Amino acid sequence: MKQNKINILNRKAKFEYEFIDKYTAGIKLVGTEIKAIREGKAGIAESFCEFNNNELFVINMNIEEYSHATYFNHDPKSERKLLLNKKELKKLEKEVKNSGLTIIPTRLFVNDRGLAKLNIALARGKKMYDKRETIKDRDNKRNLDRIKKDFR
């Protein structure tokens, strides 16, 4: 069976946050949710992760309803449990509580075995001057690339 490559990114995350640590987590889904993800009908742009009873959940992740489903379809904005090791969960929970960091999803993909995975990052929010610095670096790199291209 040929798998199409599903790679849904959170492009705003890199600009809004400074990544400290990255993890790959599984997601607990129902049947119509995984089918919708395989069609590419998902978005993680406004989502974040939160602890509830020592379990990690992704909040505000949008998975559109599956087009070929009947009345058994899923709720598009429901909370979905993330699957990580206990050691990783304890470390993440400690970091979030003590140092005020946040956990944000950066990439949603389907692996070789057909399972949905979510790359998450432990992140600190950037200040306005950090964002300006990022824009300035990006513009300088673009200009440098143009100059290099002209000399070839």
C-alpha atoms as a PDB file:
ATOM      1  CA  MET A   1       0.000   0.000   0.000  1.00  0.00           C
ATOM      2  CA  LYS A   2       1.485   3.309  -1.089  1.00  0.00           C
ATOM      3  CA  GLN A   3       1.446   6.004   1.615  1.00  0.00           C
ATOM      4  CA  ASN A   4       1.147   9.623   0.620  1.00  0.00           C
ATOM      5  CA  LYS A   5       3.359  11.930   2.650  1.00  0.00           C
ATOM      6  CA  ILE A   6       1.387  13.969   5.167  1.00  0.00           C
ATOM      7  CA  ASN A   7       3.424  16.801   6.661  1.00  0.00           C
ATOM      8  CA  ILE A   8       1.390  19.536   8.363  1.00  0.00           C
ATOM      9  CA  LEU A   9       3.554  22.304   9.835  1.00  0.00           C
ATOM     10  CA  ASN A  10       3.028  25.061  12.386  1.00  0.00           C
ATOM     11  CA  ARG A  11       4.941  27.810  10.582  1.00  0.00           C
ATOM     12  CA  LYS A  12       4.114  30.532  13.104  1.00  0.00           C
ATOM     13  CA  ALA A  13       5.691  28.569  15.956  1.00  0.00           C
ATOM     14  CA  LYS A  14       9.297  29.132  14.886  1.00  0.00           C
ATOM     15  CA  PHE A  15       8.709  32.885  14.702  1.00  0.00           C
ATOM     16  CA  GLU A  16       6.718  33.217  17.940  1.00  0.00           C
ATOM     17  CA  TYR A  17       8.763  30.842  20.160  1.00  0.00           C
ATOM     18  CA  GLU A  18      12.346  29.861  20.931  1.00  0.00           C
ATOM     19  CA  PHE A  19      12.594  26.047  21.008  1.00  0.00           C
ATOM     20  CA  ILE A  20      14.423  24.489  23.947  1.00  0.00           C
ATOM     21  CA  ASP A  21      13.712  20.767  23.586  1.00  0.00           C
ATOM     22  CA  LYS A  22      11.886  18.664  20.975  1.00  0.00           C
ATOM     23  CA  TYR A  23       9.925  15.415  21.284  1.00  0.00           C
ATOM     24  CA  THR A  24       7.901  13.117  19.021  1.00  0.00           C
ATOM     25  CA  ALA A  25       4.609  11.916  20.493  1.00  0.00           C
ATOM     26  CA  GLY A  26       1.895   9.593  19.317  1.00  0.00           C
ATOM     27  CA  ILE A  27      -1.726  10.762  19.294  1.00  0.00           C
ATOM     28  CA  LYS A  28      -4.760   8.851  20.535  1.00  0.00           C
ATOM     29  CA  LEU A  29      -7.308   9.166  17.712  1.00  0.00           C
ATOM     30  CA  VAL A  30     -10.611   7.628  16.632  1.00  0.00           C
ATOM     31  CA  GLY A  31     -11.129   6.068  13.196  1.00  0.00           C
ATOM     32  CA  THR A  32     -12.516   9.059  11.327  1.00  0.00           C
ATOM     33  CA  GLU A  33      -9.796  11.358  12.722  1.00  0.00           C
ATOM     34  CA  ILE A  34      -6.911   9.317  11.292  1.00  0.00           C
ATOM     35  CA  LYS A  35      -8.716   9.049   7.961  1.00  0.00           C
ATOM     36  CA  ALA A  36      -9.133  12.829   7.830  1.00  0.00           C
ATOM     37  CA  ILE A  37      -5.436  13.328   8.690  1.00  0.00           C
ATOM     38  CA  ARG A  38      -4.442  10.954   5.882  1.00  0.00           C
ATOM     39  CA  GLU A  39      -6.482  13.170   3.543  1.00  0.00           C
ATOM     40  CA  GLY A  40      -4.498  16.186   4.838  1.00  0.00           C
ATOM     41  CA  LYS A  41      -7.507  17.840   6.500  1.00  0.00           C
ATOM     42  CA  ALA A  42      -5.851  18.980   9.732  1.00  0.00           C
ATOM     43  CA  GLY A  43      -4.334  22.145  11.179  1.00  0.00           C
ATOM     44  CA  ILE A  44      -2.134  22.864  14.194  1.00  0.00           C
ATOM     45  CA  ALA A  45      -1.566  26.607  13.747  1.00  0.00           C
ATOM     46  CA  GLU A  46      -3.402  27.789  16.895  1.00  0.00           C
ATOM     47  CA  SER A  47      -2.872  24.699  19.048  1.00  0.00           C
ATOM     48  CA  PHE A  48      -0.977  24.174  22.301  1.00  0.00           C
ATOM     49  CA  CYS A  49      -0.428  21.369  24.825  1.00  0.00           C
ATOM     50  CA  GLU A  50      -1.650  21.201  28.400  1.00  0.00           C
ATOM     51  CA  PHE A  51      -1.365  18.777  31.323  1.00  0.00           C
ATOM     52  CA  ASN A  52      -4.496  17.266  32.857  1.00  0.00           C
ATOM     53  CA  ASN A  53      -4.176  14.583  35.599  1.00  0.00           C
ATOM     54  CA  ASN A  54      -0.518  13.887  34.700  1.00  0.00           C
ATOM     55  CA  GLU A  55      -1.456  13.312  31.045  1.00  0.00           C
ATOM     56  CA  LEU A  56      -0.576  15.584  28.133  1.00  0.00           C
ATOM     57  CA  PHE A  57      -3.341  16.763  25.803  1.00  0.00           C
ATOM     58  CA  VAL A  58      -3.197  18.832  22.637  1.00  0.00           C
ATOM     59  CA  ILE A  59      -5.804  21.607  22.719  1.00  0.00           C
ATOM     60  CA  ASN A  60      -7.324  23.501  19.782  1.00  0.00           C
ATOM     61  CA  MET A  61      -5.955  21.149  17.107  1.00  0.00           C
ATOM     62  CA  ASN A  62      -8.370  21.181  14.180  1.00  0.00           C
ATOM     63  CA  ILE A  63      -9.081  17.925  12.350  1.00  0.00           C
ATOM     64  CA  GLU A  64     -11.900  18.462   9.869  1.00  0.00           C
ATOM     65  CA  GLU A  65     -14.731  15.958   9.680  1.00  0.00           C
ATOM     66  CA  TYR A  66     -14.106  12.965   7.433  1.00  0.00           C
ATOM     67  CA  SER A  67     -15.965  13.385   4.158  1.00  0.00           C
ATOM     68  CA  HIS A  68     -17.135   9.753   3.771  1.00  0.00           C
ATOM     69  CA  ALA A  69     -18.284   9.243   7.372  1.00  0.00           C
ATOM     70  CA  THR A  70     -21.873   8.863   8.535  1.00  0.00           C
ATOM     71  CA  TYR A  71     -23.287  10.194  11.797  1.00  0.00           C
ATOM     72  CA  PHE A  72     -20.360   8.554  13.660  1.00  0.00           C
ATOM     73  CA  ASN A  73     -18.081  11.457  12.739  1.00  0.00           C
ATOM     74  CA  HIS A  74     -15.743  13.077  15.306  1.00  0.00           C
ATOM     75  CA  ASP A  75     -15.690  16.548  16.909  1.00  0.00           C
ATOM     76  CA  PRO A  76     -13.176  18.711  14.968  1.00  0.00           C
ATOM     77  CA  LYS A  77     -11.817  20.691  17.956  1.00  0.00           C
ATOM     78  CA  SER A  78     -11.798  18.048  20.718  1.00  0.00           C
ATOM     79  CA  GLU A  79      -8.858  17.479  23.084  1.00  0.00           C
ATOM     80  CA  ARG A  80      -6.565  14.655  21.999  1.00  0.00           C
ATOM     81  CA  LYS A  81      -4.254  12.728  24.301  1.00  0.00           C
ATOM     82  CA  LEU A  82      -0.554  12.631  23.471  1.00  0.00           C
ATOM     83  CA  LEU A  83       1.371   9.418  24.076  1.00  0.00           C
ATOM     84  CA  LEU A  84       4.815   9.815  25.672  1.00  0.00           C
ATOM     85  CA  ASN A  85       6.913   7.868  28.186  1.00  0.00           C
ATOM     86  CA  LYS A  86       6.308   8.547  31.888  1.00  0.00           C
ATOM     87  CA  LYS A  87       9.848   9.864  32.250  1.00  0.00           C
ATOM     88  CA  GLU A  88       9.326  12.361  29.416  1.00  0.00           C
ATOM     89  CA  LEU A  89       5.938  13.417  30.808  1.00  0.00           C
ATOM     90  CA  LYS A  90       7.385  14.053  34.281  1.00  0.00           C
ATOM     91  CA  LYS A  91      10.270  16.068  32.846  1.00  0.00           C
ATOM     92  CA  LEU A  92       7.948  18.170  30.671  1.00  0.00           C
ATOM     93  CA  GLU A  93       5.485  18.782  33.507  1.00  0.00           C
ATOM     94  CA  LYS A  94       8.280  19.889  35.833  1.00  0.00           C
ATOM     95  CA  GLU A  95       9.679  22.294  33.239  1.00  0.00           C
ATOM     96  CA  VAL A  96       6.266  23.794  32.472  1.00  0.00           C
ATOM     97  CA  LYS A  97       5.341  24.318  36.135  1.00  0.00           C
ATOM     98  CA  ASN A  98       8.692  25.623  37.398  1.00  0.00           C
ATOM     99  CA  SER A  99      10.049  27.793  34.626  1.00  0.00           C
ATOM    100  CA  GLY A 100       6.887  29.000  32.875  1.00  0.00           C
ATOM    101  CA  LEU A 101       7.650  27.379  29.531  1.00  0.00           C
ATOM    102  CA  THR A 102       4.982  26.123  27.145  1.00  0.00           C
ATOM    103  CA  ILE A 103       4.589  23.070  24.932  1.00  0.00           C
ATOM    104  CA  ILE A 104       3.577  23.685  21.330  1.00  0.00           C
ATOM    105  CA  PRO A 105       3.039  21.319  18.399  1.00  0.00           C
ATOM    106  CA  THR A 106       5.381  22.001  15.490  1.00  0.00           C
ATOM    107  CA  ARG A 107       4.619  19.245  12.960  1.00  0.00           C
ATOM    108  CA  LEU A 108       1.923  16.621  12.379  1.00  0.00           C
ATOM    109  CA  PHE A 109       2.861  13.687  10.171  1.00  0.00           C
ATOM    110  CA  VAL A 110       2.026  10.072   9.349  1.00  0.00           C
ATOM    111  CA  ASN A 111       4.961   7.690   9.802  1.00  0.00           C
ATOM    112  CA  ASP A 112       5.920   4.648   7.678  1.00  0.00           C
ATOM    113  CA  ARG A 113       3.571   2.352   9.593  1.00  0.00           C
ATOM    114  CA  GLY A 114       0.594   4.671   8.988  1.00  0.00           C
ATOM    115  CA  LEU A 115       0.444   6.085  12.534  1.00  0.00           C
ATOM    116  CA  ALA A 116      -0.127   9.772  13.215  1.00  0.00           C
ATOM    117  CA  LYS A 117       2.718  11.428  15.135  1.00  0.00           C
ATOM    118  CA  LEU A 118       3.088  14.948  16.485  1.00  0.00           C
ATOM    119  CA  ASN A 119       6.399  16.737  16.944  1.00  0.00           C
ATOM    120  CA  ILE A 120       6.149  18.947  20.010  1.00  0.00           C
ATOM    121  CA  ALA A 121       8.601  21.479  21.393  1.00  0.00           C
ATOM    122  CA  LEU A 122       9.225  22.826  24.851  1.00  0.00           C
ATOM    123  CA  ALA A 123       9.400  26.533  24.090  1.00  0.00           C
ATOM    124  CA  ARG A 124       9.790  30.010  25.529  1.00  0.00           C
ATOM    125  CA  GLY A 125       7.899  32.924  23.978  1.00  0.00           C
ATOM    126  CA  LYS A 126       9.996  35.468  22.110  1.00  0.00           C
ATOM    127  CA  LYS A 127       9.928  39.135  23.000  1.00  0.00           C
ATOM    128  CA  MET A 128       9.249  41.770  20.353  1.00  0.00           C
ATOM    129  CA  TYR A 129      12.942  42.644  19.929  1.00  0.00           C
ATOM    130  CA  ASP A 130      13.763  38.954  19.391  1.00  0.00           C
ATOM    131  CA  LYS A 131      11.186  38.827  16.601  1.00  0.00           C
ATOM    132  CA  ARG A 132      12.709  41.921  14.984  1.00  0.00           C
ATOM    133  CA  GLU A 133      16.132  40.271  15.195  1.00  0.00           C
ATOM    134  CA  THR A 134      14.753  37.170  13.450  1.00  0.00           C
ATOM    135  CA  ILE A 135      13.290  39.286  10.635  1.00  0.00           C
ATOM    136  CA  LYS A 136      16.574  41.201  10.242  1.00  0.00           C
ATOM    137  CA  ASP A 137      18.620  37.973  10.075  1.00  0.00           C
ATOM    138  CA  ARG A 138      16.236  36.487   7.510  1.00  0.00           C
ATOM    139  CA  ASP A 139      16.461  39.624   5.303  1.00  0.00           C
ATOM    140  CA  ASN A 140      20.269  39.709   5.549  1.00  0.00           C
ATOM    141  CA  LYS A 141      20.494  36.041   4.568  1.00  0.00           C
ATOM    142  CA  ARG A 142      18.174  36.619   1.598  1.00  0.00           C
ATOM    143  CA  ASN A 143      20.264  39.594   0.400  1.00  0.00           C
ATOM    144  CA  LEU A 144      23.497  37.639   0.801  1.00  0.00           C
ATOM    145  CA  ASP A 145      22.073  34.769  -1.239  1.00  0.00           C
ATOM    146  CA  ARG A 146      21.095  37.206  -4.019  1.00  0.00           C
ATOM    147  CA  ILE A 147      24.622  38.651  -4.104  1.00  0.00           C
ATOM    148  CA  LYS A 148      26.168  35.173  -4.220  1.00  0.00           C
ATOM    149  CA  LYS A 149      23.833  34.189  -7.047  1.00  0.00           C
ATOM    150  CA  ASP A 150      24.883  37.230  -9.111  1.00  0.00           C
ATOM    151  CA  PHE A 151      28.588  36.310  -8.866  1.00  0.00           C
ATOM    152  CA  ARG A 152      28.112  32.756 -10.160  1.00  0.00           C
END
